[in-house]
């Protein structure tokens, strides 16, 4: 829920335009673009890259072959 909180003003502005017939200036549309883009990057960027090495090293993901995090197990140290 927290990653989508920047979209509250965008949905409010869009709802007011659709339901109440309020006009939306070009400046407001331009202000909405980085908000929607930032949420899209943070939401869909992780799914595409599979998360960081720290996530995989913590045991919450499968390490990829050749990943340096794959060499260290979070439960036992390398000997």
PDB file of N, CA and C in Angstrom:
ATOM      1  N   UNK A   1       0.819  -1.183   0.000  1.00  0.00           N
ATOM      2  CA  UNK A   1       0.000   0.000   0.000  1.00  0.00           C
ATOM      3  C   UNK A   1       0.867   1.253   0.000  1.00  0.00           C
ATOM      4  N   UNK A   2       1.914   1.288   0.759  1.00  0.00           N
ATOM      5  CA  UNK A   2       2.751   2.481   0.861  1.00  0.00           C
ATOM      6  C   UNK A   2       3.364   2.910  -0.464  1.00  0.00           C
ATOM      7  N   UNK A   3       3.813   1.999  -1.346  1.00  0.00           N
ATOM      8  CA  UNK A   3       4.384   2.467  -2.611  1.00  0.00           C
ATOM      9  C   UNK A   3       3.382   3.187  -3.503  1.00  0.00           C
ATOM     10  N   UNK A   4       2.090   2.951  -3.272  1.00  0.00           N
ATOM     11  CA  UNK A   4       1.075   3.570  -4.116  1.00  0.00           C
ATOM     12  C   UNK A   4       0.533   4.869  -3.534  1.00  0.00           C
ATOM     13  N   UNK A   5       0.962   5.276  -2.362  1.00  0.00           N
ATOM     14  CA  UNK A   5       0.450   6.495  -1.745  1.00  0.00           C
ATOM     15  C   UNK A   5       0.741   7.762  -2.555  1.00  0.00           C
ATOM     16  N   UNK A   6       1.844   7.852  -3.327  1.00  0.00           N
ATOM     17  CA  UNK A   6       2.014   9.049  -4.150  1.00  0.00           C
ATOM     18  C   UNK A   6       0.952   9.209  -5.238  1.00  0.00           C
ATOM     19  N   UNK A   7       0.197   8.149  -5.509  1.00  0.00           N
ATOM     20  CA  UNK A   7      -0.830   8.227  -6.549  1.00  0.00           C
ATOM     21  C   UNK A   7      -2.152   8.796  -6.041  1.00  0.00           C
ATOM     22  N   UNK A   8      -2.282   9.034  -4.750  1.00  0.00           N
ATOM     23  CA  UNK A   8      -3.535   9.563  -4.203  1.00  0.00           C
ATOM     24  C   UNK A   8      -3.907  10.892  -4.858  1.00  0.00           C
ATOM     25  N   UNK A   9      -3.001  11.873  -4.972  1.00  0.00           N
ATOM     26  CA  UNK A   9      -3.390  13.117  -5.641  1.00  0.00           C
ATOM     27  C   UNK A   9      -3.737  12.923  -7.116  1.00  0.00           C
ATOM     28  N   UNK A  10      -3.076  12.005  -7.771  1.00  0.00           N
ATOM     29  CA  UNK A  10      -3.348  11.757  -9.189  1.00  0.00           C
ATOM     30  C   UNK A  10      -4.761  11.204  -9.353  1.00  0.00           C
ATOM     31  N   UNK A  11      -5.129  10.228  -8.519  1.00  0.00           N
ATOM     32  CA  UNK A  11      -6.476   9.674  -8.601  1.00  0.00           C
ATOM     33  C   UNK A  11      -7.520  10.693  -8.163  1.00  0.00           C
ATOM     34  N   UNK A  12      -7.205  11.514  -7.202  1.00  0.00           N
ATOM     35  CA  UNK A  12      -8.129  12.569  -6.793  1.00  0.00           C
ATOM     36  C   UNK A  12      -8.370  13.575  -7.903  1.00  0.00           C
ATOM     37  N   UNK A  13      -7.309  13.968  -8.557  1.00  0.00           N
ATOM     38  CA  UNK A  13      -7.416  14.910  -9.670  1.00  0.00           C
ATOM     39  C   UNK A  13      -8.203  14.294 -10.830  1.00  0.00           C
ATOM     40  N   UNK A  14      -7.906  13.043 -11.139  1.00  0.00           N
ATOM     41  CA  UNK A  14      -8.593  12.366 -12.239  1.00  0.00           C
ATOM     42  C   UNK A  14     -10.064  12.142 -11.914  1.00  0.00           C
ATOM     43  N   UNK A  15     -10.358  11.762 -10.675  1.00  0.00           N
ATOM     44  CA  UNK A  15     -11.748  11.551 -10.264  1.00  0.00           C
ATOM     45  C   UNK A  15     -12.548  12.841 -10.328  1.00  0.00           C
ATOM     46  N   UNK A  16     -11.944  13.938  -9.895  1.00  0.00           N
ATOM     47  CA  UNK A  16     -12.632  15.221  -9.954  1.00  0.00           C
ATOM     48  C   UNK A  16     -12.915  15.618 -11.399  1.00  0.00           C
ATOM     49  N   UNK A  17     -12.002  15.298 -12.293  1.00  0.00           N
ATOM     50  CA  UNK A  17     -12.222  15.631 -13.699  1.00  0.00           C
ATOM     51  C   UNK A  17     -13.346  14.793 -14.291  1.00  0.00           C
ATOM     52  N   UNK A  18     -13.376  13.509 -13.961  1.00  0.00           N
ATOM     53  CA  UNK A  18     -14.381  12.612 -14.545  1.00  0.00           C
ATOM     54  C   UNK A  18     -15.750  12.822 -13.903  1.00  0.00           C
ATOM     55  N   UNK A  19     -15.792  12.858 -12.580  1.00  0.00           N
ATOM     56  CA  UNK A  19     -17.084  12.903 -11.879  1.00  0.00           C
ATOM     57  C   UNK A  19     -17.666  14.307 -11.749  1.00  0.00           C
ATOM     58  N   UNK A  20     -16.805  15.302 -11.589  1.00  0.00           N
ATOM     59  CA  UNK A  20     -17.294  16.662 -11.343  1.00  0.00           C
ATOM     60  C   UNK A  20     -17.096  17.601 -12.528  1.00  0.00           C
ATOM     61  N   UNK A  21     -16.398  17.124 -13.537  1.00  0.00           N
ATOM     62  CA  UNK A  21     -16.188  17.946 -14.726  1.00  0.00           C
ATOM     63  C   UNK A  21     -15.157  19.052 -14.546  1.00  0.00           C
ATOM     64  N   UNK A  22     -14.300  18.932 -13.564  1.00  0.00           N
ATOM     65  CA  UNK A  22     -13.264  19.953 -13.353  1.00  0.00           C
ATOM     66  C   UNK A  22     -12.178  19.835 -14.414  1.00  0.00           C
ATOM     67  N   UNK A  23     -11.624  20.958 -14.782  1.00  0.00           N
ATOM     68  CA  UNK A  23     -10.544  20.971 -15.760  1.00  0.00           C
ATOM     69  C   UNK A  23      -9.205  20.664 -15.114  1.00  0.00           C
ATOM     70  N   UNK A  24      -8.317  20.070 -15.888  1.00  0.00           N
ATOM     71  CA  UNK A  24      -6.969  19.766 -15.400  1.00  0.00           C
ATOM     72  C   UNK A  24      -5.985  20.490 -16.306  1.00  0.00           C
ATOM     73  N   UNK A  25      -5.157  21.325 -15.708  1.00  0.00           N
ATOM     74  CA  UNK A  25      -4.190  22.101 -16.489  1.00  0.00           C
ATOM     75  C   UNK A  25      -3.036  21.216 -16.945  1.00  0.00           C
ATOM     76  N   UNK A  26      -2.319  21.713 -17.921  1.00  0.00           N
ATOM     77  CA  UNK A  26      -1.152  20.978 -18.437  1.00  0.00           C
ATOM     78  C   UNK A  26      -0.087  20.829 -17.353  1.00  0.00           C
ATOM     79  N   UNK A  27       0.038  21.825 -16.491  1.00  0.00           N
ATOM     80  CA  UNK A  27       1.029  21.762 -15.410  1.00  0.00           C
ATOM     81  C   UNK A  27       0.707  20.615 -14.447  1.00  0.00           C
ATOM     82  N   UNK A  28      -0.570  20.393 -14.186  1.00  0.00           N
ATOM     83  CA  UNK A  28      -0.945  19.296 -13.280  1.00  0.00           C
ATOM     84  C   UNK A  28      -0.700  17.937 -13.930  1.00  0.00           C
ATOM     85  N   UNK A  29      -0.979  17.824 -15.233  1.00  0.00           N
ATOM     86  CA  UNK A  29      -0.670  16.566 -15.930  1.00  0.00           C
ATOM     87  C   UNK A  29       0.827  16.304 -15.918  1.00  0.00           C
ATOM     88  N   UNK A  30       1.621  17.363 -16.136  1.00  0.00           N
ATOM     89  CA  UNK A  30       3.083  17.206 -16.108  1.00  0.00           C
ATOM     90  C   UNK A  30       3.578  16.832 -14.718  1.00  0.00           C
ATOM     91  N   UNK A  31       2.900  17.310 -13.686  1.00  0.00           N
ATOM     92  CA  UNK A  31       3.282  16.945 -12.318  1.00  0.00           C
ATOM     93  C   UNK A  31       2.913  15.496 -12.004  1.00  0.00           C
ATOM     94  N   UNK A  32       1.877  14.987 -12.656  1.00  0.00           N
ATOM     95  CA  UNK A  32       1.446  13.605 -12.402  1.00  0.00           C
ATOM     96  C   UNK A  32       2.364  12.589 -13.070  1.00  0.00           C
ATOM     97  N   UNK A  33       3.018  12.973 -14.156  1.00  0.00           N
ATOM     98  CA  UNK A  33       3.860  12.030 -14.905  1.00  0.00           C
ATOM     99  C   UNK A  33       4.989  11.451 -14.052  1.00  0.00           C
ATOM    100  N   UNK A  34       5.789  12.259 -13.335  1.00  0.00           N
ATOM    101  CA  UNK A  34       6.843  11.651 -12.509  1.00  0.00           C
ATOM    102  C   UNK A  34       6.304  10.795 -11.362  1.00  0.00           C
ATOM    103  N   UNK A  35       5.136  11.160 -10.839  1.00  0.00           N
ATOM    104  CA  UNK A  35       4.562  10.343  -9.762  1.00  0.00           C
ATOM    105  C   UNK A  35       4.195   8.956 -10.271  1.00  0.00           C
ATOM    106  N   UNK A  36       3.493   8.909 -11.389  1.00  0.00           N
ATOM    107  CA  UNK A  36       3.095   7.615 -11.956  1.00  0.00           C
ATOM    108  C   UNK A  36       4.339   6.846 -12.406  1.00  0.00           C
ATOM    109  N   UNK A  37       5.293   7.541 -13.019  1.00  0.00           N
ATOM    110  CA  UNK A  37       6.524   6.881 -13.467  1.00  0.00           C
ATOM    111  C   UNK A  37       7.336   6.308 -12.313  1.00  0.00           C
ATOM    112  N   UNK A  38       7.428   7.052 -11.218  1.00  0.00           N
ATOM    113  CA  UNK A  38       8.177   6.564 -10.059  1.00  0.00           C
ATOM    114  C   UNK A  38       7.536   5.343  -9.430  1.00  0.00           C
ATOM    115  N   UNK A  39       6.215   5.356  -9.337  1.00  0.00           N
ATOM    116  CA  UNK A  39       5.521   4.190  -8.783  1.00  0.00           C
ATOM    117  C   UNK A  39       5.694   2.993  -9.709  1.00  0.00           C
ATOM    118  N   UNK A  40       5.617   3.230 -11.023  1.00  0.00           N
ATOM    119  CA  UNK A  40       5.797   2.133 -11.979  1.00  0.00           C
ATOM    120  C   UNK A  40       7.199   1.548 -11.882  1.00  0.00           C
ATOM    121  N   UNK A  41       8.213   2.398 -11.753  1.00  0.00           N
ATOM    122  CA  UNK A  41       9.592   1.904 -11.642  1.00  0.00           C
ATOM    123  C   UNK A  41       9.796   1.084 -10.376  1.00  0.00           C
ATOM    124  N   UNK A  42       9.266   1.564  -9.267  1.00  0.00           N
ATOM    125  CA  UNK A  42       9.470   0.826  -8.019  1.00  0.00           C
ATOM    126  C   UNK A  42       8.624  -0.437  -7.943  1.00  0.00           C
ATOM    127  N   UNK A  43       7.469  -0.431  -8.594  1.00  0.00           N
ATOM    128  CA  UNK A  43       6.595  -1.608  -8.535  1.00  0.00           C
ATOM    129  C   UNK A  43       7.010  -2.685  -9.523  1.00  0.00           C
ATOM    130  N   UNK A  44       7.270  -2.291 -10.752  1.00  0.00           N
ATOM    131  CA  UNK A  44       7.542  -3.268 -11.794  1.00  0.00           C
ATOM    132  C   UNK A  44       9.030  -3.489 -12.017  1.00  0.00           C
ATOM    133  N   UNK A  45       9.885  -2.610 -11.530  1.00  0.00           N
ATOM    134  CA  UNK A  45      11.327  -2.761 -11.701  1.00  0.00           C
ATOM    135  C   UNK A  45      11.873  -3.972 -10.979  1.00  0.00           C
ATOM    136  N   UNK A  46      11.389  -4.236  -9.760  1.00  0.00           N
ATOM    137  CA  UNK A  46      11.854  -5.389  -8.990  1.00  0.00           C
ATOM    138  C   UNK A  46      11.417  -6.694  -9.611  1.00  0.00           C
ATOM    139  N   UNK A  47      10.238  -6.738 -10.168  1.00  0.00           N
ATOM    140  CA  UNK A  47       9.749  -7.973 -10.779  1.00  0.00           C
ATOM    141  C   UNK A  47      10.592  -8.339 -11.992  1.00  0.00           C
ATOM    142  N   UNK A  48      11.058  -7.341 -12.697  1.00  0.00           N
ATOM    143  CA  UNK A  48      11.850  -7.590 -13.892  1.00  0.00           C
ATOM    144  C   UNK A  48      13.277  -8.002 -13.545  1.00  0.00           C
ATOM    145  N   UNK A  49      13.871  -7.397 -12.519  1.00  0.00           N
ATOM    146  CA  UNK A  49      15.260  -7.695 -12.183  1.00  0.00           C
ATOM    147  C   UNK A  49      15.401  -8.823 -11.182  1.00  0.00           C
ATOM    148  N   UNK A  50      14.343  -9.179 -10.493  1.00  0.00           N
ATOM    149  CA  UNK A  50      14.412 -10.291  -9.544  1.00  0.00           C
ATOM    150  C   UNK A  50      14.917  -9.906  -8.172  1.00  0.00           C
ATOM    151  N   UNK A  51      15.039  -8.616  -7.875  1.00  0.00           N
ATOM    152  CA  UNK A  51      15.503  -8.195  -6.558  1.00  0.00           C
ATOM    153  C   UNK A  51      17.022  -8.118  -6.498  1.00  0.00           C
ATOM    154  N   UNK A  52      17.526  -7.577  -5.423  1.00  0.00           N
ATOM    155  CA  UNK A  52      18.961  -7.408  -5.283  1.00  0.00           C
ATOM    156  C   UNK A  52      19.635  -8.624  -4.682  1.00  0.00           C
ATOM    157  N   UNK A  53      20.966  -8.612  -4.707  1.00  0.00           N
ATOM    158  CA  UNK A  53      21.731  -9.728  -4.161  1.00  0.00           C
ATOM    159  C   UNK A  53      21.517  -9.860  -2.664  1.00  0.00           C
ATOM    160  N   UNK A  54      21.289  -8.738  -1.976  1.00  0.00           N
ATOM    161  CA  UNK A  54      21.075  -8.803  -0.533  1.00  0.00           C
ATOM    162  C   UNK A  54      19.800  -9.572  -0.208  1.00  0.00           C
ATOM    163  N   UNK A  55      18.800  -9.425  -1.044  1.00  0.00           N
ATOM    164  CA  UNK A  55      17.553 -10.160  -0.825  1.00  0.00           C
ATOM    165  C   UNK A  55      17.799 -11.649  -0.996  1.00  0.00           C
ATOM    166  N   UNK A  56      18.532 -12.027  -2.026  1.00  0.00           N
ATOM    167  CA  UNK A  56      18.816 -13.439  -2.251  1.00  0.00           C
ATOM    168  C   UNK A  56      19.729 -13.983  -1.167  1.00  0.00           C
ATOM    169  N   UNK A  57      20.677 -13.182  -0.684  1.00  0.00           N
ATOM    170  CA  UNK A  57      21.591 -13.648   0.357  1.00  0.00           C
ATOM    171  C   UNK A  57      20.860 -13.868   1.674  1.00  0.00           C
ATOM    172  N   UNK A  58      19.785 -13.149   1.879  1.00  0.00           N
ATOM    173  CA  UNK A  58      19.016 -13.305   3.114  1.00  0.00           C
ATOM    174  C   UNK A  58      18.097 -14.518   3.055  1.00  0.00           C
ATOM    175  N   UNK A  59      18.094 -15.225   1.962  1.00  0.00           N
ATOM    176  CA  UNK A  59      17.308 -16.439   1.868  1.00  0.00           C
ATOM    177  C   UNK A  59      15.888 -16.225   1.389  1.00  0.00           C
ATOM    178  N   UNK A  60      15.564 -15.022   0.905  1.00  0.00           N
ATOM    179  CA  UNK A  60      14.206 -14.749   0.454  1.00  0.00           C
ATOM    180  C   UNK A  60      14.097 -14.799  -1.063  1.00  0.00           C
ATOM    181  N   UNK A  61      15.043 -15.393  -1.718  1.00  0.00           N
ATOM    182  CA  UNK A  61      15.000 -15.510  -3.162  1.00  0.00           C
ATOM    183  C   UNK A  61      15.996 -16.557  -3.601  1.00  0.00           C
ATOM    184  N   UNK A  62      15.892 -16.954  -4.828  1.00  0.00           N
ATOM    185  CA  UNK A  62      16.819 -17.966  -5.334  1.00  0.00           C
ATOM    186  C   UNK A  62      17.999 -17.266  -5.991  1.00  0.00           C
ATOM    187  N   UNK A  63      19.230 -17.585  -5.578  1.00  0.00           N
ATOM    188  CA  UNK A  63      20.392 -16.961  -6.208  1.00  0.00           C
ATOM    189  C   UNK A  63      20.572 -17.466  -7.635  1.00  0.00           C
ATOM    190  N   UNK A  64      21.043 -16.580  -8.462  1.00  0.00           N
ATOM    191  CA  UNK A  64      21.324 -16.943  -9.848  1.00  0.00           C
ATOM    192  C   UNK A  64      22.712 -17.560  -9.936  1.00  0.00           C
ATOM    193  N   UNK A  65      22.933 -18.450 -10.887  1.00  0.00           N
ATOM    194  CA  UNK A  65      24.282 -19.013 -11.047  1.00  0.00           C
ATOM    195  C   UNK A  65      25.283 -17.903 -11.341  1.00  0.00           C
ATOM    196  N   UNK A  66      26.417 -17.982 -10.687  1.00  0.00           N
ATOM    197  CA  UNK A  66      27.468 -16.981 -10.875  1.00  0.00           C
ATOM    198  C   UNK A  66      27.300 -15.746 -10.015  1.00  0.00           C
ATOM    199  N   UNK A  67      26.241 -15.662  -9.234  1.00  0.00           N
ATOM    200  CA  UNK A  67      26.007 -14.521  -8.362  1.00  0.00           C
ATOM    201  C   UNK A  67      26.912 -14.657  -7.139  1.00  0.00           C
ATOM    202  N   UNK A  68      27.646 -13.601  -6.771  1.00  0.00           N
ATOM    203  CA  UNK A  68      28.514 -13.697  -5.590  1.00  0.00           C
ATOM    204  C   UNK A  68      27.732 -14.008  -4.317  1.00  0.00           C
ATOM    205  N   UNK A  69      26.473 -13.610  -4.256  1.00  0.00           N
ATOM    206  CA  UNK A  69      25.669 -13.902  -3.072  1.00  0.00           C
ATOM    207  C   UNK A  69      25.362 -15.390  -2.960  1.00  0.00           C
ATOM    208  N   UNK A  70      25.455 -16.113  -4.065  1.00  0.00           N
ATOM    209  CA  UNK A  70      25.172 -17.550  -4.044  1.00  0.00           C
ATOM    210  C   UNK A  70      26.273 -18.316  -3.316  1.00  0.00           C
ATOM    211  N   UNK A  71      27.465 -17.739  -3.219  1.00  0.00           N
ATOM    212  CA  UNK A  71      28.591 -18.439  -2.596  1.00  0.00           C
ATOM    213  C   UNK A  71      28.485 -18.433  -1.072  1.00  0.00           C
ATOM    214  N   UNK A  72      27.718 -17.514  -0.493  1.00  0.00           N
ATOM    215  CA  UNK A  72      27.623 -17.387   0.958  1.00  0.00           C
ATOM    216  C   UNK A  72      26.218 -17.785   1.384  1.00  0.00           C
ATOM    217  N   UNK A  73      26.139 -18.748   2.252  1.00  0.00           N
ATOM    218  CA  UNK A  73      24.866 -19.174   2.794  1.00  0.00           C
ATOM    219  C   UNK A  73      24.542 -18.333   4.024  1.00  0.00           C
ATOM    220  N   UNK A  74      23.300 -17.916   4.208  1.00  0.00           N
ATOM    221  CA  UNK A  74      22.985 -17.104   5.390  1.00  0.00           C
ATOM    222  C   UNK A  74      23.009 -17.928   6.674  1.00  0.00           C
ATOM    223  N   UNK A  75      22.976 -19.248   6.585  1.00  0.00           N
ATOM    224  CA  UNK A  75      22.950 -20.069   7.790  1.00  0.00           C
ATOM    225  C   UNK A  75      24.308 -20.620   8.184  1.00  0.00           C
ATOM    226  N   UNK A  76      25.227 -20.756   7.238  1.00  0.00           N
ATOM    227  CA  UNK A  76      26.566 -21.225   7.626  1.00  0.00           C
ATOM    228  C   UNK A  76      27.611 -20.465   6.814  1.00  0.00           C
ATOM    229  N   UNK A  77      28.736 -20.292   7.433  1.00  0.00           N
ATOM    230  CA  UNK A  77      29.820 -19.567   6.795  1.00  0.00           C
ATOM    231  C   UNK A  77      30.632 -20.484   5.892  1.00  0.00           C
ATOM    232  N   UNK A  78      31.211 -19.946   4.821  1.00  0.00           N
ATOM    233  CA  UNK A  78      32.045 -20.786   3.962  1.00  0.00           C
ATOM    234  C   UNK A  78      33.310 -21.220   4.702  1.00  0.00           C
ATOM    235  N   UNK A  79      33.780 -22.408   4.413  1.00  0.00           N
ATOM    236  CA  UNK A  79      34.985 -22.907   5.102  1.00  0.00           C
ATOM    237  C   UNK A  79      36.176 -22.857   4.185  1.00  0.00           C
TER     238      UNK A  79
END
